[in-house]
Amino acid sequence: MRNQVIEKLLAKTRRTDLPSFDSGDTVRVQVKIREGEKERLQAFEGVVIACSKGAQASFTVRKISFGQGVERIFPLNCKVIDKVDVLRSSKVRRAKLYYLRGLKGRAARLRDAE
């Protein structure tokens, strides 16, 4: 009973404007940044290494910035996300790509989906 009520409330606030993507896809997330009274968009581009489903769905994006790995977790129903562009889709055999944390350079490449 309680789960049904929660699901109905979340269905009203759930975002439908985001494209479908999965682990292994390279995405560009446009994030709203507030600086004082101004608001601007900043792109965060990287590989989706994890997606969680359910009421509080989120996805984790990993990129390499100046030789250092950077990961950011985005909740799907977050107002900070302006839009998500899928740049590339890759064929992966796992749902969570945490093994990419230990790889760098050419070893961290993913095979393109056909």
PDB file of N, CA and C in Angstrom:
ATOM      1  N   MET A   1       0.829  -1.194   0.000  1.00  0.00           N
ATOM      2  CA  MET A   1       0.000   0.000   0.000  1.00  0.00           C
ATOM      3  C   MET A   1       0.871   1.255   0.000  1.00  0.00           C
ATOM      4  N   ARG A   2       1.837   1.291   0.917  1.00  0.00           N
ATOM      5  CA  ARG A   2       2.681   2.475   1.031  1.00  0.00           C
ATOM      6  C   ARG A   2       3.554   2.662  -0.213  1.00  0.00           C
ATOM      7  N   ASN A   3       4.084   1.567  -0.761  1.00  0.00           N
ATOM      8  CA  ASN A   3       4.910   1.655  -1.963  1.00  0.00           C
ATOM      9  C   ASN A   3       4.114   2.179  -3.147  1.00  0.00           C
ATOM     10  N   GLN A   4       2.849   1.828  -3.237  1.00  0.00           N
ATOM     11  CA  GLN A   4       2.012   2.295  -4.341  1.00  0.00           C
ATOM     12  C   GLN A   4       1.822   3.805  -4.268  1.00  0.00           C
ATOM     13  N   VAL A   5       1.634   4.332  -3.069  1.00  0.00           N
ATOM     14  CA  VAL A   5       1.466   5.774  -2.893  1.00  0.00           C
ATOM     15  C   VAL A   5       2.749   6.507  -3.285  1.00  0.00           C
ATOM     16  N   ILE A   6       3.885   5.978  -2.852  1.00  0.00           N
ATOM     17  CA  ILE A   6       5.169   6.589  -3.181  1.00  0.00           C
ATOM     18  C   ILE A   6       5.403   6.555  -4.683  1.00  0.00           C
ATOM     19  N   GLU A   7       5.104   5.437  -5.329  1.00  0.00           N
ATOM     20  CA  GLU A   7       5.291   5.320  -6.777  1.00  0.00           C
ATOM     21  C   GLU A   7       4.411   6.304  -7.538  1.00  0.00           C
ATOM     22  N   LYS A   8       3.185   6.524  -7.073  1.00  0.00           N
ATOM     23  CA  LYS A   8       2.301   7.489  -7.733  1.00  0.00           C
ATOM     24  C   LYS A   8       2.851   8.904  -7.627  1.00  0.00           C
ATOM     25  N   LEU A   9       3.387   9.242  -6.451  1.00  0.00           N
ATOM     26  CA  LEU A   9       3.969  10.574  -6.276  1.00  0.00           C
ATOM     27  C   LEU A   9       5.210  10.762  -7.142  1.00  0.00           C
ATOM     28  N   LEU A  10       6.023   9.730  -7.218  1.00  0.00           N
ATOM     29  CA  LEU A  10       7.238   9.829  -8.024  1.00  0.00           C
ATOM     30  C   LEU A  10       6.935   9.849  -9.513  1.00  0.00           C
ATOM     31  N   ALA A  11       5.855   9.206  -9.926  1.00  0.00           N
ATOM     32  CA  ALA A  11       5.484   9.197 -11.340  1.00  0.00           C
ATOM     33  C   ALA A  11       5.151  10.605 -11.822  1.00  0.00           C
ATOM     34  N   LYS A  12       4.633  11.437 -10.932  1.00  0.00           N
ATOM     35  CA  LYS A  12       4.312  12.811 -11.309  1.00  0.00           C
ATOM     36  C   LYS A  12       5.564  13.651 -11.503  1.00  0.00           C
ATOM     37  N   THR A  13       6.612  13.372 -10.729  1.00  0.00           N
ATOM     38  CA  THR A  13       7.827  14.173 -10.804  1.00  0.00           C
ATOM     39  C   THR A  13       8.895  13.550 -11.693  1.00  0.00           C
ATOM     40  N   ARG A  14       8.670  12.369 -12.221  1.00  0.00           N
ATOM     41  CA  ARG A  14       9.674  11.669 -13.021  1.00  0.00           C
ATOM     42  C   ARG A  14       9.917  12.379 -14.347  1.00  0.00           C
ATOM     43  N   ARG A  15      11.162  12.483 -14.734  1.00  0.00           N
ATOM     44  CA  ARG A  15      11.518  13.156 -15.985  1.00  0.00           C
ATOM     45  C   ARG A  15      11.349  12.212 -17.160  1.00  0.00           C
ATOM     46  N   THR A  16      10.783  12.726 -18.222  1.00  0.00           N
ATOM     47  CA  THR A  16      10.602  11.921 -19.432  1.00  0.00           C
ATOM     48  C   THR A  16      11.358  12.514 -20.608  1.00  0.00           C
ATOM     49  N   ASP A  17      12.006  13.663 -20.416  1.00  0.00           N
ATOM     50  CA  ASP A  17      12.687  14.330 -21.520  1.00  0.00           C
ATOM     51  C   ASP A  17      14.114  13.830 -21.750  1.00  0.00           C
ATOM     52  N   LEU A  18      14.626  12.951 -20.889  1.00  0.00           N
ATOM     53  CA  LEU A  18      15.979  12.441 -21.050  1.00  0.00           C
ATOM     54  C   LEU A  18      15.991  11.253 -22.000  1.00  0.00           C
ATOM     55  N   PRO A  19      17.028  11.130 -22.843  1.00  0.00           N
ATOM     56  CA  PRO A  19      17.101   9.978 -23.742  1.00  0.00           C
ATOM     57  C   PRO A  19      17.445   8.709 -22.974  1.00  0.00           C
ATOM     58  N   SER A  20      17.213   7.576 -23.593  1.00  0.00           N
ATOM     59  CA  SER A  20      17.568   6.315 -22.940  1.00  0.00           C
ATOM     60  C   SER A  20      19.051   6.034 -23.201  1.00  0.00           C
ATOM     61  N   PHE A  21      19.757   5.682 -22.156  1.00  0.00           N
ATOM     62  CA  PHE A  21      21.172   5.334 -22.246  1.00  0.00           C
ATOM     63  C   PHE A  21      21.450   4.271 -21.217  1.00  0.00           C
ATOM     64  N   ASP A  22      22.591   3.619 -21.370  1.00  0.00           N
ATOM     65  CA  ASP A  22      22.936   2.518 -20.484  1.00  0.00           C
ATOM     66  C   ASP A  22      24.430   2.568 -20.186  1.00  0.00           C
ATOM     67  N   SER A  23      24.911   1.628 -19.422  1.00  0.00           N
ATOM     68  CA  SER A  23      26.332   1.568 -19.097  1.00  0.00           C
ATOM     69  C   SER A  23      27.150   1.394 -20.367  1.00  0.00           C
ATOM     70  N   GLY A  24      28.264   2.089 -20.437  1.00  0.00           N
ATOM     71  CA  GLY A  24      29.132   2.012 -21.602  1.00  0.00           C
ATOM     72  C   GLY A  24      28.908   3.127 -22.605  1.00  0.00           C
ATOM     73  N   ASP A  25      27.811   3.848 -22.496  1.00  0.00           N
ATOM     74  CA  ASP A  25      27.541   4.946 -23.422  1.00  0.00           C
ATOM     75  C   ASP A  25      28.339   6.180 -23.010  1.00  0.00           C
ATOM     76  N   THR A  26      28.814   6.912 -24.004  1.00  0.00           N
ATOM     77  CA  THR A  26      29.480   8.185 -23.745  1.00  0.00           C
ATOM     78  C   THR A  26      28.429   9.277 -23.845  1.00  0.00           C
ATOM     79  N   VAL A  27      28.289  10.053 -22.781  1.00  0.00           N
ATOM     80  CA  VAL A  27      27.242  11.070 -22.721  1.00  0.00           C
ATOM     81  C   VAL A  27      27.844  12.431 -22.390  1.00  0.00           C
ATOM     82  N   ARG A  28      27.127  13.474 -22.783  1.00  0.00           N
ATOM     83  CA  ARG A  28      27.458  14.842 -22.379  1.00  0.00           C
ATOM     84  C   ARG A  28      26.277  15.362 -21.585  1.00  0.00           C
ATOM     85  N   VAL A  29      26.513  15.622 -20.298  1.00  0.00           N
ATOM     86  CA  VAL A  29      25.464  16.097 -19.399  1.00  0.00           C
ATOM     87  C   VAL A  29      25.628  17.610 -19.246  1.00  0.00           C
ATOM     88  N   GLN A  30      24.585  18.355 -19.581  1.00  0.00           N
ATOM     89  CA  GLN A  30      24.592  19.807 -19.393  1.00  0.00           C
ATOM     90  C   GLN A  30      24.078  20.092 -17.980  1.00  0.00           C
ATOM     91  N   VAL A  31      24.947  20.631 -17.127  1.00  0.00           N
ATOM     92  CA  VAL A  31      24.639  20.857 -15.727  1.00  0.00           C
ATOM     93  C   VAL A  31      24.470  22.357 -15.489  1.00  0.00           C
ATOM     94  N   LYS A  32      23.417  22.716 -14.761  1.00  0.00           N
ATOM     95  CA  LYS A  32      23.193  24.124 -14.418  1.00  0.00           C
ATOM     96  C   LYS A  32      24.070  24.492 -13.227  1.00  0.00           C
ATOM     97  N   ILE A  33      24.851  25.558 -13.390  1.00  0.00           N
ATOM     98  CA  ILE A  33      25.744  26.041 -12.346  1.00  0.00           C
ATOM     99  C   ILE A  33      25.281  27.440 -11.953  1.00  0.00           C
ATOM    100  N   ARG A  34      25.081  27.644 -10.652  1.00  0.00           N
ATOM    101  CA  ARG A  34      24.711  28.977 -10.152  1.00  0.00           C
ATOM    102  C   ARG A  34      25.943  29.664  -9.600  1.00  0.00           C
ATOM    103  N   GLU A  35      26.187  30.873 -10.085  1.00  0.00           N
ATOM    104  CA  GLU A  35      27.285  31.692  -9.585  1.00  0.00           C
ATOM    105  C   GLU A  35      26.696  33.037  -9.185  1.00  0.00           C
ATOM    106  N   GLY A  36      26.415  33.176  -7.926  1.00  0.00           N
ATOM    107  CA  GLY A  36      25.758  34.390  -7.457  1.00  0.00           C
ATOM    108  C   GLY A  36      24.320  34.412  -7.941  1.00  0.00           C
ATOM    109  N   GLU A  37      23.979  35.415  -8.735  1.00  0.00           N
ATOM    110  CA  GLU A  37      22.627  35.505  -9.288  1.00  0.00           C
ATOM    111  C   GLU A  37      22.547  34.960 -10.702  1.00  0.00           C
ATOM    112  N   LYS A  38      23.710  34.710 -11.312  1.00  0.00           N
ATOM    113  CA  LYS A  38      23.732  34.214 -12.688  1.00  0.00           C
ATOM    114  C   LYS A  38      23.671  32.693 -12.694  1.00  0.00           C
ATOM    115  N   GLU A  39      23.167  32.162 -13.794  1.00  0.00           N
ATOM    116  CA  GLU A  39      23.111  30.712 -13.986  1.00  0.00           C
ATOM    117  C   GLU A  39      23.669  30.395 -15.361  1.00  0.00           C
ATOM    118  N   ARG A  40      24.543  29.393 -15.431  1.00  0.00           N
ATOM    119  CA  ARG A  40      25.130  29.009 -16.710  1.00  0.00           C
ATOM    120  C   ARG A  40      25.127  27.495 -16.831  1.00  0.00           C
ATOM    121  N   LEU A  41      25.393  27.008 -18.037  1.00  0.00           N
ATOM    122  CA  LEU A  41      25.457  25.575 -18.290  1.00  0.00           C
ATOM    123  C   LEU A  41      26.913  25.145 -18.407  1.00  0.00           C
ATOM    124  N   GLN A  42      27.221  24.013 -17.793  1.00  0.00           N
ATOM    125  CA  GLN A  42      28.554  23.446 -17.885  1.00  0.00           C
ATOM    126  C   GLN A  42      28.421  21.996 -18.324  1.00  0.00           C
ATOM    127  N   ALA A  43      29.219  21.589 -19.306  1.00  0.00           N
ATOM    128  CA  ALA A  43      29.150  20.225 -19.836  1.00  0.00           C
ATOM    129  C   ALA A  43      30.057  19.303 -19.026  1.00  0.00           C
ATOM    130  N   PHE A  44      29.551  18.111 -18.742  1.00  0.00           N
ATOM    131  CA  PHE A  44      30.340  17.053 -18.108  1.00  0.00           C
ATOM    132  C   PHE A  44      30.235  15.859 -19.038  1.00  0.00           C
ATOM    133  N   GLU A  45      31.324  15.556 -19.739  1.00  0.00           N
ATOM    134  CA  GLU A  45      31.309  14.510 -20.762  1.00  0.00           C
ATOM    135  C   GLU A  45      32.156  13.334 -20.319  1.00  0.00           C
ATOM    136  N   GLY A  46      31.576  12.131 -20.396  1.00  0.00           N
ATOM    137  CA  GLY A  46      32.311  10.941 -20.006  1.00  0.00           C
ATOM    138  C   GLY A  46      31.515   9.681 -20.262  1.00  0.00           C
ATOM    139  N   VAL A  47      32.018   8.577 -19.752  1.00  0.00           N
ATOM    140  CA  VAL A  47      31.408   7.260 -19.949  1.00  0.00           C
ATOM    141  C   VAL A  47      30.516   6.939 -18.764  1.00  0.00           C
ATOM    142  N   VAL A  48      29.322   6.448 -19.051  1.00  0.00           N
ATOM    143  CA  VAL A  48      28.412   6.004 -17.993  1.00  0.00           C
ATOM    144  C   VAL A  48      28.942   4.664 -17.485  1.00  0.00           C
ATOM    145  N   ILE A  49      29.345   4.622 -16.208  1.00  0.00           N
ATOM    146  CA  ILE A  49      29.889   3.368 -15.676  1.00  0.00           C
ATOM    147  C   ILE A  49      28.885   2.633 -14.812  1.00  0.00           C
ATOM    148  N   ALA A  50      27.787   3.290 -14.413  1.00  0.00           N
ATOM    149  CA  ALA A  50      26.783   2.620 -13.590  1.00  0.00           C
ATOM    150  C   ALA A  50      25.457   3.338 -13.725  1.00  0.00           C
ATOM    151  N   CYS A  51      24.384   2.562 -13.731  1.00  0.00           N
ATOM    152  CA  CYS A  51      23.026   3.101 -13.717  1.00  0.00           C
ATOM    153  C   CYS A  51      22.259   2.371 -12.629  1.00  0.00           C
ATOM    154  N   SER A  52      21.536   3.112 -11.805  1.00  0.00           N
ATOM    155  CA  SER A  52      20.680   2.469 -10.814  1.00  0.00           C
ATOM    156  C   SER A  52      19.234   2.767 -11.182  1.00  0.00           C
ATOM    157  N   LYS A  53      18.374   1.826 -10.945  1.00  0.00           N
ATOM    158  CA  LYS A  53      16.967   1.942 -11.296  1.00  0.00           C
ATOM    159  C   LYS A  53      16.151   2.177 -10.037  1.00  0.00           C
ATOM    160  N   GLY A  54      14.871   2.393 -10.214  1.00  0.00           N
ATOM    161  CA  GLY A  54      13.981   2.509  -9.070  1.00  0.00           C
ATOM    162  C   GLY A  54      13.524   3.921  -8.817  1.00  0.00           C
ATOM    163  N   ALA A  55      13.028   4.146  -7.608  1.00  0.00           N
ATOM    164  CA  ALA A  55      12.442   5.431  -7.242  1.00  0.00           C
ATOM    165  C   ALA A  55      13.484   6.541  -7.254  1.00  0.00           C
ATOM    166  N   GLN A  56      14.664   6.265  -6.773  1.00  0.00           N
ATOM    167  CA  GLN A  56      15.719   7.272  -6.737  1.00  0.00           C
ATOM    168  C   GLN A  56      16.808   6.898  -7.722  1.00  0.00           C
ATOM    169  N   ALA A  57      16.443   6.795  -8.991  1.00  0.00           N
ATOM    170  CA  ALA A  57      17.365   6.362 -10.033  1.00  0.00           C
ATOM    171  C   ALA A  57      18.477   7.385 -10.221  1.00  0.00           C
ATOM    172  N   SER A  58      19.671   6.890 -10.516  1.00  0.00           N
ATOM    173  CA  SER A  58      20.809   7.765 -10.760  1.00  0.00           C
ATOM    174  C   SER A  58      21.757   7.077 -11.736  1.00  0.00           C
ATOM    175  N   PHE A  59      22.712   7.851 -12.249  1.00  0.00           N
ATOM    176  CA  PHE A  59      23.742   7.287 -13.107  1.00  0.00           C
ATOM    177  C   PHE A  59      25.070   7.956 -12.792  1.00  0.00           C
ATOM    178  N   THR A  60      26.150   7.187 -12.962  1.00  0.00           N
ATOM    179  CA  THR A  60      27.490   7.664 -12.657  1.00  0.00           C
ATOM    180  C   THR A  60      28.265   7.844 -13.952  1.00  0.00           C
ATOM    181  N   VAL A  61      28.868   9.021 -14.121  1.00  0.00           N
ATOM    182  CA  VAL A  61      29.642   9.340 -15.318  1.00  0.00           C
ATOM    183  C   VAL A  61      31.094   9.528 -14.904  1.00  0.00           C
ATOM    184  N   ARG A  62      32.007   8.910 -15.665  1.00  0.00           N
ATOM    185  CA  ARG A  62      33.441   9.001 -15.374  1.00  0.00           C
ATOM    186  C   ARG A  62      34.163   9.625 -16.557  1.00  0.00           C
ATOM    187  N   LYS A  63      35.054  10.564 -16.266  1.00  0.00           N
ATOM    188  CA  LYS A  63      35.888  11.150 -17.302  1.00  0.00           C
ATOM    189  C   LYS A  63      37.299  11.309 -16.765  1.00  0.00           C
ATOM    190  N   ILE A  64      38.241  11.524 -17.679  1.00  0.00           N
ATOM    191  CA  ILE A  64      39.627  11.773 -17.307  1.00  0.00           C
ATOM    192  C   ILE A  64      39.893  13.255 -17.532  1.00  0.00           C
ATOM    193  N   SER A  65      40.280  13.958 -16.485  1.00  0.00           N
ATOM    194  CA  SER A  65      40.542  15.389 -16.567  1.00  0.00           C
ATOM    195  C   SER A  65      41.972  15.657 -16.095  1.00  0.00           C
ATOM    196  N   PHE A  66      42.817  16.114 -17.014  1.00  0.00           N
ATOM    197  CA  PHE A  66      44.228  16.393 -16.721  1.00  0.00           C
ATOM    198  C   PHE A  66      44.926  15.184 -16.100  1.00  0.00           C
ATOM    199  N   GLY A  67      44.637  13.989 -16.644  1.00  0.00           N
ATOM    200  CA  GLY A  67      45.280  12.765 -16.181  1.00  0.00           C
ATOM    201  C   GLY A  67      44.701  12.185 -14.912  1.00  0.00           C
ATOM    202  N   GLN A  68      43.673  12.817 -14.370  1.00  0.00           N
ATOM    203  CA  GLN A  68      43.059  12.362 -13.122  1.00  0.00           C
ATOM    204  C   GLN A  68      41.627  11.913 -13.417  1.00  0.00           C
ATOM    205  N   GLY A  69      41.228  10.756 -12.904  1.00  0.00           N
ATOM    206  CA  GLY A  69      39.870  10.272 -13.099  1.00  0.00           C
ATOM    207  C   GLY A  69      38.884  11.033 -12.224  1.00  0.00           C
ATOM    208  N   VAL A  70      37.778  11.466 -12.834  1.00  0.00           N
ATOM    209  CA  VAL A  70      36.749  12.210 -12.111  1.00  0.00           C
ATOM    210  C   VAL A  70      35.423  11.510 -12.341  1.00  0.00           C
ATOM    211  N   GLU A  71      34.706  11.222 -11.260  1.00  0.00           N
ATOM    212  CA  GLU A  71      33.391  10.603 -11.369  1.00  0.00           C
ATOM    213  C   GLU A  71      32.356  11.515 -10.738  1.00  0.00           C
ATOM    214  N   ARG A  72      31.172  11.520 -11.338  1.00  0.00           N
ATOM    215  CA  ARG A  72      30.093  12.327 -10.783  1.00  0.00           C
ATOM    216  C   ARG A  72      28.806  11.523 -10.872  1.00  0.00           C
ATOM    217  N   ILE A  73      28.047  11.540  -9.797  1.00  0.00           N
ATOM    218  CA  ILE A  73      26.775  10.814  -9.735  1.00  0.00           C
ATOM    219  C   ILE A  73      25.653  11.819  -9.929  1.00  0.00           C
ATOM    220  N   PHE A  74      24.788  11.548 -10.904  1.00  0.00           N
ATOM    221  CA  PHE A  74      23.653  12.416 -11.202  1.00  0.00           C
ATOM    222  C   PHE A  74      22.356  11.688 -10.883  1.00  0.00           C
ATOM    223  N   PRO A  75      21.510  12.225 -10.011  1.00  0.00           N
ATOM    224  CA  PRO A  75      20.164  11.671  -9.857  1.00  0.00           C
ATOM    225  C   PRO A  75      19.353  11.983 -11.119  1.00  0.00           C
ATOM    226  N   LEU A  76      18.545  11.037 -11.577  1.00  0.00           N
ATOM    227  CA  LEU A  76      17.785  11.244 -12.809  1.00  0.00           C
ATOM    228  C   LEU A  76      16.752  12.353 -12.668  1.00  0.00           C
ATOM    229  N   ASN A  77      16.113  12.459 -11.524  1.00  0.00           N
ATOM    230  CA  ASN A  77      15.049  13.432 -11.334  1.00  0.00           C
ATOM    231  C   ASN A  77      15.568  14.734 -10.734  1.00  0.00           C
ATOM    232  N   CYS A  78      16.795  15.089 -11.053  1.00  0.00           N
ATOM    233  CA  CYS A  78      17.442  16.269 -10.490  1.00  0.00           C
ATOM    234  C   CYS A  78      17.177  17.492 -11.367  1.00  0.00           C
ATOM    235  N   LYS A  79      16.944  18.637 -10.737  1.00  0.00           N
ATOM    236  CA  LYS A  79      16.703  19.864 -11.491  1.00  0.00           C
ATOM    237  C   LYS A  79      17.997  20.484 -11.998  1.00  0.00           C
ATOM    238  N   VAL A  80      19.136  20.013 -11.529  1.00  0.00           N
ATOM    239  CA  VAL A  80      20.422  20.544 -11.951  1.00  0.00           C
ATOM    240  C   VAL A  80      20.748  20.114 -13.381  1.00  0.00           C
ATOM    241  N   ILE A  81      20.238  18.974 -13.813  1.00  0.00           N
ATOM    242  CA  ILE A  81      20.495  18.473 -15.163  1.00  0.00           C
ATOM    243  C   ILE A  81      19.603  19.214 -16.140  1.00  0.00           C
ATOM    244  N   ASP A  82      20.222  19.870 -17.135  1.00  0.00           N
ATOM    245  CA  ASP A  82      19.447  20.554 -18.169  1.00  0.00           C
ATOM    246  C   ASP A  82      19.103  19.578 -19.284  1.00  0.00           C
ATOM    247  N   LYS A  83      20.123  18.901 -19.821  1.00  0.00           N
ATOM    248  CA  LYS A  83      19.862  17.872 -20.829  1.00  0.00           C
ATOM    249  C   LYS A  83      21.027  16.905 -20.899  1.00  0.00           C
ATOM    250  N   VAL A  84      20.761  15.752 -21.501  1.00  0.00           N
ATOM    251  CA  VAL A  84      21.765  14.708 -21.658  1.00  0.00           C
ATOM    252  C   VAL A  84      21.820  14.336 -23.139  1.00  0.00           C
ATOM    253  N   ASP A  85      23.015  14.387 -23.717  1.00  0.00           N
ATOM    254  CA  ASP A  85      23.220  13.984 -25.107  1.00  0.00           C
ATOM    255  C   ASP A  85      24.015  12.696 -25.127  1.00  0.00           C
ATOM    256  N   VAL A  86      23.541  11.701 -25.873  1.00  0.00           N
ATOM    257  CA  VAL A  86      24.274  10.448 -26.034  1.00  0.00           C
ATOM    258  C   VAL A  86      25.173  10.606 -27.250  1.00  0.00           C
ATOM    259  N   LEU A  87      26.494  10.554 -27.032  1.00  0.00           N
ATOM    260  CA  LEU A  87      27.453  10.762 -28.107  1.00  0.00           C
ATOM    261  C   LEU A  87      27.845   9.461 -28.790  1.00  0.00           C
ATOM    262  N   ARG A  88      28.045   8.412 -27.996  1.00  0.00           N
ATOM    263  CA  ARG A  88      28.467   7.109 -28.509  1.00  0.00           C
ATOM    264  C   ARG A  88      27.842   6.007 -27.688  1.00  0.00           C
ATOM    265  N   SER A  89      27.534   4.907 -28.326  1.00  0.00           N
ATOM    266  CA  SER A  89      27.078   3.728 -27.599  1.00  0.00           C
ATOM    267  C   SER A  89      28.126   2.642 -27.759  1.00  0.00           C
ATOM    268  N   SER A  90      28.434   1.972 -26.684  1.00  0.00           N
ATOM    269  CA  SER A  90      29.434   0.915 -26.704  1.00  0.00           C
ATOM    270  C   SER A  90      28.814  -0.390 -26.255  1.00  0.00           C
ATOM    271  N   LYS A  91      29.388  -1.467 -26.768  1.00  0.00           N
ATOM    272  CA  LYS A  91      28.925  -2.806 -26.404  1.00  0.00           C
ATOM    273  C   LYS A  91      29.709  -3.249 -25.173  1.00  0.00           C
ATOM    274  N   VAL A  92      29.000  -3.468 -24.079  1.00  0.00           N
ATOM    275  CA  VAL A  92      29.637  -3.924 -22.844  1.00  0.00           C
ATOM    276  C   VAL A  92      28.914  -5.172 -22.354  1.00  0.00           C
ATOM    277  N   ARG A  93      29.602  -5.943 -21.526  1.00  0.00           N
ATOM    278  CA  ARG A  93      29.039  -7.202 -21.054  1.00  0.00           C
ATOM    279  C   ARG A  93      28.706  -7.169 -19.575  1.00  0.00           C
ATOM    280  N   ARG A  94      28.809  -6.008 -18.969  1.00  0.00           N
ATOM    281  CA  ARG A  94      28.519  -5.849 -17.548  1.00  0.00           C
ATOM    282  C   ARG A  94      27.623  -4.642 -17.343  1.00  0.00           C
ATOM    283  N   ALA A  95      26.910  -4.638 -16.229  1.00  0.00           N
ATOM    284  CA  ALA A  95      26.056  -3.503 -15.890  1.00  0.00           C
ATOM    285  C   ALA A  95      26.862  -2.414 -15.195  1.00  0.00           C
ATOM    286  N   LYS A  96      27.832  -2.790 -14.397  1.00  0.00           N
ATOM    287  CA  LYS A  96      28.672  -1.836 -13.680  1.00  0.00           C
ATOM    288  C   LYS A  96      30.096  -1.937 -14.224  1.00  0.00           C
ATOM    289  N   LEU A  97      30.643  -0.842 -14.682  1.00  0.00           N
ATOM    290  CA  LEU A  97      31.964  -0.833 -15.316  1.00  0.00           C
ATOM    291  C   LEU A  97      33.025  -0.269 -14.377  1.00  0.00           C
ATOM    292  N   TYR A  98      33.001  -0.707 -13.130  1.00  0.00           N
ATOM    293  CA  TYR A  98      33.953  -0.196 -12.151  1.00  0.00           C
ATOM    294  C   TYR A  98      35.392  -0.605 -12.468  1.00  0.00           C
ATOM    295  N   TYR A  99      35.579  -1.609 -13.315  1.00  0.00           N
ATOM    296  CA  TYR A  99      36.927  -2.041 -13.663  1.00  0.00           C
ATOM    297  C   TYR A  99      37.660  -0.967 -14.474  1.00  0.00           C
ATOM    298  N   LEU A 100      36.930  -0.008 -15.055  1.00  0.00           N
ATOM    299  CA  LEU A 100      37.577   1.067 -15.810  1.00  0.00           C
ATOM    300  C   LEU A 100      38.405   1.983 -14.901  1.00  0.00           C
ATOM    301  N   ARG A 101      38.134   1.956 -13.607  1.00  0.00           N
ATOM    302  CA  ARG A 101      38.890   2.785 -12.672  1.00  0.00           C
ATOM    303  C   ARG A 101      40.360   2.390 -12.633  1.00  0.00           C
ATOM    304  N   GLY A 102      40.637   1.130 -12.865  1.00  0.00           N
ATOM    305  CA  GLY A 102      42.017   0.648 -12.812  1.00  0.00           C
ATOM    306  C   GLY A 102      42.726   0.679 -14.143  1.00  0.00           C
ATOM    307  N   LEU A 103      42.049   1.084 -15.208  1.00  0.00           N
ATOM    308  CA  LEU A 103      42.647   1.105 -16.537  1.00  0.00           C
ATOM    309  C   LEU A 103      42.861   2.543 -16.984  1.00  0.00           C
ATOM    310  N   LYS A 104      43.844   2.724 -17.881  1.00  0.00           N
ATOM    311  CA  LYS A 104      44.026   4.049 -18.454  1.00  0.00           C
ATOM    312  C   LYS A 104      44.550   3.926 -19.878  1.00  0.00           C
ATOM    313  N   GLY A 105      44.362   4.985 -20.628  1.00  0.00           N
ATOM    314  CA  GLY A 105      44.845   5.007 -22.011  1.00  0.00           C
ATOM    315  C   GLY A 105      44.041   4.091 -22.908  1.00  0.00           C
ATOM    316  N   ARG A 106      44.743   3.392 -23.781  1.00  0.00           N
ATOM    317  CA  ARG A 106      44.074   2.527 -24.754  1.00  0.00           C
ATOM    318  C   ARG A 106      43.406   1.326 -24.100  1.00  0.00           C
ATOM    319  N   ALA A 107      43.879   0.938 -22.935  1.00  0.00           N
ATOM    320  CA  ALA A 107      43.286  -0.209 -22.239  1.00  0.00           C
ATOM    321  C   ALA A 107      41.869   0.090 -21.772  1.00  0.00           C
ATOM    322  N   ALA A 108      41.529   1.366 -21.612  1.00  0.00           N
ATOM    323  CA  ALA A 108      40.212   1.760 -21.110  1.00  0.00           C
ATOM    324  C   ALA A 108      39.194   1.981 -22.221  1.00  0.00           C
ATOM    325  N   ARG A 109      39.574   1.681 -23.465  1.00  0.00           N
ATOM    326  CA  ARG A 109      38.635   1.868 -24.575  1.00  0.00           C
ATOM    327  C   ARG A 109      37.528   0.820 -24.535  1.00  0.00           C
ATOM    328  N   LEU A 110      36.367   1.204 -25.027  1.00  0.00           N
ATOM    329  CA  LEU A 110      35.240   0.284 -25.124  1.00  0.00           C
ATOM    330  C   LEU A 110      34.898   0.065 -26.591  1.00  0.00           C
ATOM    331  N   ARG A 111      34.431  -1.135 -26.899  1.00  0.00           N
ATOM    332  CA  ARG A 111      34.091  -1.490 -28.276  1.00  0.00           C
ATOM    333  C   ARG A 111      32.776  -0.826 -28.676  1.00  0.00           C
ATOM    334  N   ASP A 112      32.734  -0.226 -29.877  1.00  0.00           N
ATOM    335  CA  ASP A 112      31.520   0.420 -30.351  1.00  0.00           C
ATOM    336  C   ASP A 112      30.417  -0.600 -30.608  1.00  0.00           C
ATOM    337  N   ALA A 113      29.187  -0.183 -30.347  1.00  0.00           N
ATOM    338  CA  ALA A 113      28.032  -1.047 -30.634  1.00  0.00           C
ATOM    339  C   ALA A 113      27.786  -1.040 -32.126  1.00  0.00           C
ATOM    340  N   GLU A 114      27.400  -2.196 -32.645  1.00  0.00           N
ATOM    341  CA  GLU A 114      27.155  -2.298 -34.096  1.00  0.00           C
ATOM    342  C   GLU A 114      25.724  -2.091 -34.424  1.00  0.00           C
TER     343      GLU A 114
END
